[in-house]
Amino acid sequence: MSVPPAGDVLPCASYPQPVGNLLKEAFEQVWQSAQATFFRHKRHAPSECAGCEDFGACAGACPLYWSAMGTSELAGDGRIAHAPA
């Protein structure tokens, strides 16, 4: 999470939509909000990530990336498809 001087709570420094504002709301209210819970529980992760053994390491990666690029690079098991060496 990132909090710029205006108090907006961002899921990350690059994400444009805040999940709350600490100058207007208590931390607990922001933390327990539906938007913050969505990111904390990694619900932004593509469905292809479900069950991937590496999910703990990447946590579904960046939702901005998936929005811009799609998920076609994921293999059927949710892992990044790499070309054979």
PDB file of N, CA and C in Angstrom:
ATOM      1  N   MET A   1       0.836  -1.169   0.000  1.00  0.00           N
ATOM      2  CA  MET A   1       0.000   0.000   0.000  1.00  0.00           C
ATOM      3  C   MET A   1       0.884   1.237   0.000  1.00  0.00           C
ATOM      4  N   SER A   2       0.308   2.307  -0.487  1.00  0.00           N
ATOM      5  CA  SER A   2       1.017   3.569  -0.593  1.00  0.00           C
ATOM      6  C   SER A   2       0.079   4.690  -0.154  1.00  0.00           C
ATOM      7  N   VAL A   3       0.623   5.660   0.587  1.00  0.00           N
ATOM      8  CA  VAL A   3      -0.183   6.793   1.039  1.00  0.00           C
ATOM      9  C   VAL A   3       0.557   8.087   0.701  1.00  0.00           C
ATOM     10  N   PRO A   4       0.143   8.763  -0.367  1.00  0.00           N
ATOM     11  CA  PRO A   4       0.740  10.056  -0.687  1.00  0.00           C
ATOM     12  C   PRO A   4       0.251  11.133   0.287  1.00  0.00           C
ATOM     13  N   PRO A   5       0.829  12.343   0.241  1.00  0.00           N
ATOM     14  CA  PRO A   5       0.489  13.390   1.204  1.00  0.00           C
ATOM     15  C   PRO A   5      -0.999  13.751   1.279  1.00  0.00           C
ATOM     16  N   ALA A   6      -1.752  13.570   0.210  1.00  0.00           N
ATOM     17  CA  ALA A   6      -3.181  13.910   0.227  1.00  0.00           C
ATOM     18  C   ALA A   6      -4.004  12.915   1.050  1.00  0.00           C
ATOM     19  N   GLY A   7      -3.369  11.814   1.523  1.00  0.00           N
ATOM     20  CA  GLY A   7      -4.051  10.865   2.390  1.00  0.00           C
ATOM     21  C   GLY A   7      -4.717   9.696   1.693  1.00  0.00           C
ATOM     22  N   ASP A   8      -4.740   9.708   0.354  1.00  0.00           N
ATOM     23  CA  ASP A   8      -5.338   8.581  -0.361  1.00  0.00           C
ATOM     24  C   ASP A   8      -4.553   7.310  -0.091  1.00  0.00           C
ATOM     25  N   VAL A   9      -5.250   6.220   0.140  1.00  0.00           N
ATOM     26  CA  VAL A   9      -4.617   4.926   0.353  1.00  0.00           C
ATOM     27  C   VAL A   9      -4.711   4.171  -0.970  1.00  0.00           C
ATOM     28  N   LEU A  10      -3.552   3.921  -1.561  1.00  0.00           N
ATOM     29  CA  LEU A  10      -3.482   3.235  -2.850  1.00  0.00           C
ATOM     30  C   LEU A  10      -3.000   1.811  -2.639  1.00  0.00           C
ATOM     31  N   PRO A  11      -3.559   0.844  -3.387  1.00  0.00           N
ATOM     32  CA  PRO A  11      -3.091  -0.541  -3.268  1.00  0.00           C
ATOM     33  C   PRO A  11      -1.599  -0.664  -3.579  1.00  0.00           C
ATOM     34  N   CYS A  12      -1.097   0.186  -4.471  1.00  0.00           N
ATOM     35  CA  CYS A  12       0.335   0.306  -4.748  1.00  0.00           C
ATOM     36  C   CYS A  12       0.559   1.713  -5.296  1.00  0.00           C
ATOM     37  N   ALA A  13       1.796   2.147  -5.364  1.00  0.00           N
ATOM     38  CA  ALA A  13       2.096   3.513  -5.788  1.00  0.00           C
ATOM     39  C   ALA A  13       1.656   3.800  -7.216  1.00  0.00           C
ATOM     40  N   SER A  14       1.513   2.775  -8.040  1.00  0.00           N
ATOM     41  CA  SER A  14       1.130   2.969  -9.438  1.00  0.00           C
ATOM     42  C   SER A  14      -0.370   2.906  -9.678  1.00  0.00           C
ATOM     43  N   TYR A  15      -1.106   2.408  -8.718  1.00  0.00           N
ATOM     44  CA  TYR A  15      -2.540   2.207  -8.918  1.00  0.00           C
ATOM     45  C   TYR A  15      -3.276   3.539  -8.769  1.00  0.00           C
ATOM     46  N   PRO A  16      -4.099   3.914  -9.752  1.00  0.00           N
ATOM     47  CA  PRO A  16      -4.696   5.258  -9.739  1.00  0.00           C
ATOM     48  C   PRO A  16      -5.918   5.436  -8.841  1.00  0.00           C
ATOM     49  N   GLN A  17      -6.562   4.359  -8.414  1.00  0.00           N
ATOM     50  CA  GLN A  17      -7.798   4.484  -7.648  1.00  0.00           C
ATOM     51  C   GLN A  17      -7.559   4.162  -6.170  1.00  0.00           C
ATOM     52  N   PRO A  18      -7.813   5.122  -5.292  1.00  0.00           N
ATOM     53  CA  PRO A  18      -7.613   4.858  -3.866  1.00  0.00           C
ATOM     54  C   PRO A  18      -8.695   3.935  -3.296  1.00  0.00           C
ATOM     55  N   VAL A  19      -8.325   3.253  -2.228  1.00  0.00           N
ATOM     56  CA  VAL A  19      -9.287   2.406  -1.515  1.00  0.00           C
ATOM     57  C   VAL A  19      -9.836   3.135  -0.292  1.00  0.00           C
ATOM     58  N   GLY A  20      -9.380   4.335  -0.067  1.00  0.00           N
ATOM     59  CA  GLY A  20      -9.840   5.157   1.041  1.00  0.00           C
ATOM     60  C   GLY A  20      -8.928   6.359   1.202  1.00  0.00           C
ATOM     61  N   ASN A  21      -9.167   7.136   2.249  1.00  0.00           N
ATOM     62  CA  ASN A  21      -8.360   8.319   2.510  1.00  0.00           C
ATOM     63  C   ASN A  21      -8.198   8.463   4.020  1.00  0.00           C
ATOM     64  N   LEU A  22      -6.939   8.446   4.474  1.00  0.00           N
ATOM     65  CA  LEU A  22      -6.664   8.485   5.912  1.00  0.00           C
ATOM     66  C   LEU A  22      -6.912   9.847   6.538  1.00  0.00           C
ATOM     67  N   LEU A  23      -7.073  10.887   5.735  1.00  0.00           N
ATOM     68  CA  LEU A  23      -7.399  12.196   6.283  1.00  0.00           C
ATOM     69  C   LEU A  23      -8.902  12.355   6.495  1.00  0.00           C
ATOM     70  N   LYS A  24      -9.670  11.444   5.904  1.00  0.00           N
ATOM     71  CA  LYS A  24     -11.124  11.523   5.998  1.00  0.00           C
ATOM     72  C   LYS A  24     -11.754  10.329   6.706  1.00  0.00           C
ATOM     73  N   GLU A  25     -11.000   9.234   6.821  1.00  0.00           N
ATOM     74  CA  GLU A  25     -11.529   7.995   7.400  1.00  0.00           C
ATOM     75  C   GLU A  25     -10.505   7.404   8.361  1.00  0.00           C
ATOM     76  N   ALA A  26     -10.985   6.672   9.328  1.00  0.00           N
ATOM     77  CA  ALA A  26     -10.091   5.966  10.245  1.00  0.00           C
ATOM     78  C   ALA A  26      -9.398   4.822   9.504  1.00  0.00           C
ATOM     79  N   PHE A  27      -8.179   4.505   9.942  1.00  0.00           N
ATOM     80  CA  PHE A  27      -7.424   3.423   9.293  1.00  0.00           C
ATOM     81  C   PHE A  27      -8.237   2.133   9.249  1.00  0.00           C
ATOM     82  N   GLU A  28      -8.862   1.779  10.355  1.00  0.00           N
ATOM     83  CA  GLU A  28      -9.635   0.529  10.422  1.00  0.00           C
ATOM     84  C   GLU A  28     -10.744   0.511   9.372  1.00  0.00           C
ATOM     85  N   GLN A  29     -11.394   1.639   9.165  1.00  0.00           N
ATOM     86  CA  GLN A  29     -12.454   1.727   8.160  1.00  0.00           C
ATOM     87  C   GLN A  29     -11.891   1.518   6.755  1.00  0.00           C
ATOM     88  N   VAL A  30     -10.754   2.120   6.471  1.00  0.00           N
ATOM     89  CA  VAL A  30     -10.120   1.944   5.163  1.00  0.00           C
ATOM     90  C   VAL A  30      -9.665   0.497   5.004  1.00  0.00           C
ATOM     91  N   TRP A  31      -8.983  -0.036   6.013  1.00  0.00           N
ATOM     92  CA  TRP A  31      -8.420  -1.392   5.953  1.00  0.00           C
ATOM     93  C   TRP A  31      -9.505  -2.449   5.758  1.00  0.00           C
ATOM     94  N   GLN A  32     -10.653  -2.261   6.395  1.00  0.00           N
ATOM     95  CA  GLN A  32     -11.732  -3.244   6.310  1.00  0.00           C
ATOM     96  C   GLN A  32     -12.697  -2.983   5.152  1.00  0.00           C
ATOM     97  N   SER A  33     -12.457  -1.946   4.375  1.00  0.00           N
ATOM     98  CA  SER A  33     -13.357  -1.636   3.255  1.00  0.00           C
ATOM     99  C   SER A  33     -13.336  -2.762   2.217  1.00  0.00           C
ATOM    100  N   ALA A  34     -14.389  -2.838   1.449  1.00  0.00           N
ATOM    101  CA  ALA A  34     -14.480  -3.873   0.408  1.00  0.00           C
ATOM    102  C   ALA A  34     -13.342  -3.742  -0.596  1.00  0.00           C
ATOM    103  N   GLN A  35     -12.976  -2.506  -0.936  1.00  0.00           N
ATOM    104  CA  GLN A  35     -11.909  -2.316  -1.914  1.00  0.00           C
ATOM    105  C   GLN A  35     -10.557  -2.781  -1.374  1.00  0.00           C
ATOM    106  N   ALA A  36     -10.239  -2.433  -0.133  1.00  0.00           N
ATOM    107  CA  ALA A  36      -8.965  -2.858   0.450  1.00  0.00           C
ATOM    108  C   ALA A  36      -8.930  -4.376   0.630  1.00  0.00           C
ATOM    109  N   THR A  37     -10.038  -4.951   1.051  1.00  0.00           N
ATOM    110  CA  THR A  37     -10.115  -6.404   1.217  1.00  0.00           C
ATOM    111  C   THR A  37      -9.894  -7.116  -0.112  1.00  0.00           C
ATOM    112  N   PHE A  38     -10.443  -6.565  -1.181  1.00  0.00           N
ATOM    113  CA  PHE A  38     -10.263  -7.125  -2.523  1.00  0.00           C
ATOM    114  C   PHE A  38      -8.771  -7.285  -2.841  1.00  0.00           C
ATOM    115  N   PHE A  39      -7.985  -6.253  -2.558  1.00  0.00           N
ATOM    116  CA  PHE A  39      -6.549  -6.315  -2.849  1.00  0.00           C
ATOM    117  C   PHE A  39      -5.796  -7.151  -1.824  1.00  0.00           C
ATOM    118  N   ARG A  40      -6.149  -7.042  -0.552  1.00  0.00           N
ATOM    119  CA  ARG A  40      -5.453  -7.830   0.476  1.00  0.00           C
ATOM    120  C   ARG A  40      -5.620  -9.326   0.255  1.00  0.00           C
ATOM    121  N   HIS A  41      -6.781  -9.740  -0.195  1.00  0.00           N
ATOM    122  CA  HIS A  41      -7.050 -11.163  -0.410  1.00  0.00           C
ATOM    123  C   HIS A  41      -6.680 -11.616  -1.813  1.00  0.00           C
ATOM    124  N   LYS A  42      -6.025 -10.746  -2.561  1.00  0.00           N
ATOM    125  CA  LYS A  42      -5.506 -11.057  -3.913  1.00  0.00           C
ATOM    126  C   LYS A  42      -6.600 -11.491  -4.874  1.00  0.00           C
ATOM    127  N   ARG A  43      -7.790 -10.913  -4.723  1.00  0.00           N
ATOM    128  CA  ARG A  43      -8.895 -11.253  -5.617  1.00  0.00           C
ATOM    129  C   ARG A  43      -8.699 -10.699  -7.019  1.00  0.00           C
ATOM    130  N   HIS A  44      -7.697  -9.813  -7.172  1.00  0.00           N
ATOM    131  CA  HIS A  44      -7.382  -9.276  -8.499  1.00  0.00           C
ATOM    132  C   HIS A  44      -6.638 -10.296  -9.365  1.00  0.00           C
ATOM    133  N   ALA A  45      -6.160 -11.355  -8.754  1.00  0.00           N
ATOM    134  CA  ALA A  45      -5.376 -12.349  -9.488  1.00  0.00           C
ATOM    135  C   ALA A  45      -6.232 -13.005 -10.579  1.00  0.00           C
ATOM    136  N   PRO A  46      -5.651 -13.216 -11.748  1.00  0.00           N
ATOM    137  CA  PRO A  46      -6.393 -13.890 -12.824  1.00  0.00           C
ATOM    138  C   PRO A  46      -6.839 -15.286 -12.378  1.00  0.00           C
ATOM    139  N   SER A  47      -7.944 -15.744 -12.910  1.00  0.00           N
ATOM    140  CA  SER A  47      -8.450 -17.071 -12.548  1.00  0.00           C
ATOM    141  C   SER A  47      -7.441 -18.154 -12.902  1.00  0.00           C
ATOM    142  N   GLU A  48      -6.600 -17.897 -13.880  1.00  0.00           N
ATOM    143  CA  GLU A  48      -5.573 -18.875 -14.261  1.00  0.00           C
ATOM    144  C   GLU A  48      -4.581 -19.131 -13.130  1.00  0.00           C
ATOM    145  N   CYS A  49      -4.512 -18.217 -12.166  1.00  0.00           N
ATOM    146  CA  CYS A  49      -3.571 -18.364 -11.052  1.00  0.00           C
ATOM    147  C   CYS A  49      -4.067 -19.321  -9.970  1.00  0.00           C
ATOM    148  N   ALA A  50      -5.346 -19.635  -9.985  1.00  0.00           N
ATOM    149  CA  ALA A  50      -5.919 -20.496  -8.946  1.00  0.00           C
ATOM    150  C   ALA A  50      -5.173 -21.830  -8.889  1.00  0.00           C
ATOM    151  N   GLY A  51      -4.707 -22.170  -7.708  1.00  0.00           N
ATOM    152  CA  GLY A  51      -4.032 -23.440  -7.505  1.00  0.00           C
ATOM    153  C   GLY A  51      -2.568 -23.474  -7.903  1.00  0.00           C
ATOM    154  N   CYS A  52      -2.027 -22.373  -8.413  1.00  0.00           N
ATOM    155  CA  CYS A  52      -0.618 -22.369  -8.823  1.00  0.00           C
ATOM    156  C   CYS A  52       0.277 -22.503  -7.593  1.00  0.00           C
ATOM    157  N   GLU A  53       1.263 -23.371  -7.667  1.00  0.00           N
ATOM    158  CA  GLU A  53       2.161 -23.583  -6.531  1.00  0.00           C
ATOM    159  C   GLU A  53       3.041 -22.372  -6.249  1.00  0.00           C
ATOM    160  N   ASP A  54       3.166 -21.457  -7.201  1.00  0.00           N
ATOM    161  CA  ASP A  54       3.982 -20.264  -7.012  1.00  0.00           C
ATOM    162  C   ASP A  54       3.180 -19.037  -6.592  1.00  0.00           C
ATOM    163  N   PHE A  55       1.888 -19.209  -6.331  1.00  0.00           N
ATOM    164  CA  PHE A  55       1.039 -18.070  -5.997  1.00  0.00           C
ATOM    165  C   PHE A  55       1.547 -17.317  -4.766  1.00  0.00           C
ATOM    166  N   GLY A  56       2.068 -18.021  -3.798  1.00  0.00           N
ATOM    167  CA  GLY A  56       2.591 -17.374  -2.599  1.00  0.00           C
ATOM    168  C   GLY A  56       3.729 -16.421  -2.888  1.00  0.00           C
ATOM    169  N   ALA A  57       4.483 -16.698  -3.943  1.00  0.00           N
ATOM    170  CA  ALA A  57       5.614 -15.848  -4.300  1.00  0.00           C
ATOM    171  C   ALA A  57       5.187 -14.628  -5.108  1.00  0.00           C
ATOM    172  N   CYS A  58       4.286 -14.812  -6.066  1.00  0.00           N
ATOM    173  CA  CYS A  58       3.924 -13.685  -6.938  1.00  0.00           C
ATOM    174  C   CYS A  58       2.618 -13.019  -6.521  1.00  0.00           C
ATOM    175  N   ALA A  59       1.776 -13.702  -5.759  1.00  0.00           N
ATOM    176  CA  ALA A  59       0.504 -13.162  -5.276  1.00  0.00           C
ATOM    177  C   ALA A  59      -0.388 -12.640  -6.397  1.00  0.00           C
ATOM    178  N   GLY A  60      -0.300 -13.257  -7.545  1.00  0.00           N
ATOM    179  CA  GLY A  60      -1.156 -12.838  -8.653  1.00  0.00           C
ATOM    180  C   GLY A  60      -0.591 -11.704  -9.473  1.00  0.00           C
ATOM    181  N   ALA A  61       0.606 -11.273  -9.132  1.00  0.00           N
ATOM    182  CA  ALA A  61       1.299 -10.197  -9.854  1.00  0.00           C
ATOM    183  C   ALA A  61       0.500  -8.898  -9.832  1.00  0.00           C
ATOM    184  N   CYS A  62       0.729  -8.060 -10.803  1.00  0.00           N
ATOM    185  CA  CYS A  62       0.179  -6.706 -10.822  1.00  0.00           C
ATOM    186  C   CYS A  62      -1.147  -6.630 -11.580  1.00  0.00           C
ATOM    187  N   PRO A  63      -2.215  -6.175 -10.920  1.00  0.00           N
ATOM    188  CA  PRO A  63      -3.496  -6.081 -11.627  1.00  0.00           C
ATOM    189  C   PRO A  63      -3.460  -5.087 -12.787  1.00  0.00           C
ATOM    190  N   LEU A  64      -2.623  -4.075 -12.708  1.00  0.00           N
ATOM    191  CA  LEU A  64      -2.504  -3.130 -13.824  1.00  0.00           C
ATOM    192  C   LEU A  64      -1.912  -3.818 -15.044  1.00  0.00           C
ATOM    193  N   TYR A  65      -0.950  -4.706 -14.820  1.00  0.00           N
ATOM    194  CA  TYR A  65      -0.341  -5.446 -15.928  1.00  0.00           C
ATOM    195  C   TYR A  65      -1.384  -6.326 -16.614  1.00  0.00           C
ATOM    196  N   TRP A  66      -2.137  -7.091 -15.824  1.00  0.00           N
ATOM    197  CA  TRP A  66      -3.137  -7.993 -16.411  1.00  0.00           C
ATOM    198  C   TRP A  66      -4.215  -7.208 -17.151  1.00  0.00           C
ATOM    199  N   SER A  67      -4.592  -6.041 -16.637  1.00  0.00           N
ATOM    200  CA  SER A  67      -5.597  -5.208 -17.311  1.00  0.00           C
ATOM    201  C   SER A  67      -5.092  -4.728 -18.663  1.00  0.00           C
ATOM    202  N   ALA A  68      -3.831  -4.372 -18.718  1.00  0.00           N
ATOM    203  CA  ALA A  68      -3.260  -3.832 -19.957  1.00  0.00           C
ATOM    204  C   ALA A  68      -2.875  -4.916 -20.949  1.00  0.00           C
ATOM    205  N   MET A  69      -2.353  -6.025 -20.465  1.00  0.00           N
ATOM    206  CA  MET A  69      -1.753  -7.024 -21.347  1.00  0.00           C
ATOM    207  C   MET A  69      -2.575  -8.299 -21.525  1.00  0.00           C
ATOM    208  N   GLY A  70      -3.559  -8.509 -20.660  1.00  0.00           N
ATOM    209  CA  GLY A  70      -4.310  -9.754 -20.730  1.00  0.00           C
ATOM    210  C   GLY A  70      -3.531 -10.883 -20.083  1.00  0.00           C
ATOM    211  N   THR A  71      -4.087 -12.078 -20.138  1.00  0.00           N
ATOM    212  CA  THR A  71      -3.467 -13.228 -19.458  1.00  0.00           C
ATOM    213  C   THR A  71      -3.025 -14.319 -20.419  1.00  0.00           C
ATOM    214  N   SER A  72      -2.915 -13.994 -21.692  1.00  0.00           N
ATOM    215  CA  SER A  72      -2.587 -15.030 -22.679  1.00  0.00           C
ATOM    216  C   SER A  72      -1.217 -15.663 -22.447  1.00  0.00           C
ATOM    217  N   GLU A  73      -0.331 -14.977 -21.740  1.00  0.00           N
ATOM    218  CA  GLU A  73       0.999 -15.548 -21.499  1.00  0.00           C
ATOM    219  C   GLU A  73       1.005 -16.618 -20.408  1.00  0.00           C
ATOM    220  N   LEU A  74      -0.100 -16.743 -19.688  1.00  0.00           N
ATOM    221  CA  LEU A  74      -0.165 -17.760 -18.644  1.00  0.00           C
ATOM    222  C   LEU A  74      -0.440 -19.115 -19.264  1.00  0.00           C
ATOM    223  N   ALA A  75       0.263 -20.098 -18.774  1.00  0.00           N
ATOM    224  CA  ALA A  75       0.016 -21.469 -19.220  1.00  0.00           C
ATOM    225  C   ALA A  75      -1.269 -21.950 -18.562  1.00  0.00           C
ATOM    226  N   GLY A  76      -1.764 -23.080 -18.947  1.00  0.00           N
ATOM    227  CA  GLY A  76      -2.988 -23.631 -18.383  1.00  0.00           C
ATOM    228  C   GLY A  76      -2.920 -23.835 -16.882  1.00  0.00           C
ATOM    229  N   ASP A  77      -1.698 -23.946 -16.331  1.00  0.00           N
ATOM    230  CA  ASP A  77      -1.561 -24.149 -14.892  1.00  0.00           C
ATOM    231  C   ASP A  77      -1.392 -22.837 -14.135  1.00  0.00           C
ATOM    232  N   GLY A  78      -1.536 -21.693 -14.824  1.00  0.00           N
ATOM    233  CA  GLY A  78      -1.408 -20.402 -14.176  1.00  0.00           C
ATOM    234  C   GLY A  78      -0.004 -19.859 -14.132  1.00  0.00           C
ATOM    235  N   ARG A  79       0.966 -20.629 -14.565  1.00  0.00           N
ATOM    236  CA  ARG A  79       2.349 -20.174 -14.547  1.00  0.00           C
ATOM    237  C   ARG A  79       2.674 -19.516 -15.873  1.00  0.00           C
ATOM    238  N   ILE A  80       3.656 -18.649 -15.854  1.00  0.00           N
ATOM    239  CA  ILE A  80       4.083 -17.967 -17.082  1.00  0.00           C
ATOM    240  C   ILE A  80       4.614 -19.027 -18.035  1.00  0.00           C
ATOM    241  N   ALA A  81       4.106 -18.996 -19.249  1.00  0.00           N
ATOM    242  CA  ALA A  81       4.552 -19.956 -20.265  1.00  0.00           C
ATOM    243  C   ALA A  81       5.888 -19.487 -20.829  1.00  0.00           C
ATOM    244  N   HIS A  82       6.899 -20.285 -20.704  1.00  0.00           N
ATOM    245  CA  HIS A  82       8.232 -19.971 -21.222  1.00  0.00           C
ATOM    246  C   HIS A  82       8.526 -20.839 -22.437  1.00  0.00           C
ATOM    247  N   ALA A  83       9.227 -20.254 -23.370  1.00  0.00           N
ATOM    248  CA  ALA A  83       9.642 -21.028 -24.553  1.00  0.00           C
ATOM    249  C   ALA A  83      10.675 -22.056 -24.121  1.00  0.00           C
ATOM    250  N   PRO A  84      10.662 -23.238 -24.729  1.00  0.00           N
ATOM    251  CA  PRO A  84      11.669 -24.240 -24.384  1.00  0.00           C
ATOM    252  C   PRO A  84      13.076 -23.730 -24.705  1.00  0.00           C
ATOM    253  N   ALA A  85      14.019 -24.117 -23.896  1.00  0.00           N
ATOM    254  CA  ALA A  85      15.423 -23.682 -24.095  1.00  0.00           C
ATOM    255  C   ALA A  85      16.070 -24.420 -25.237  1.00  0.00           C
TER     256      ALA A  85
END
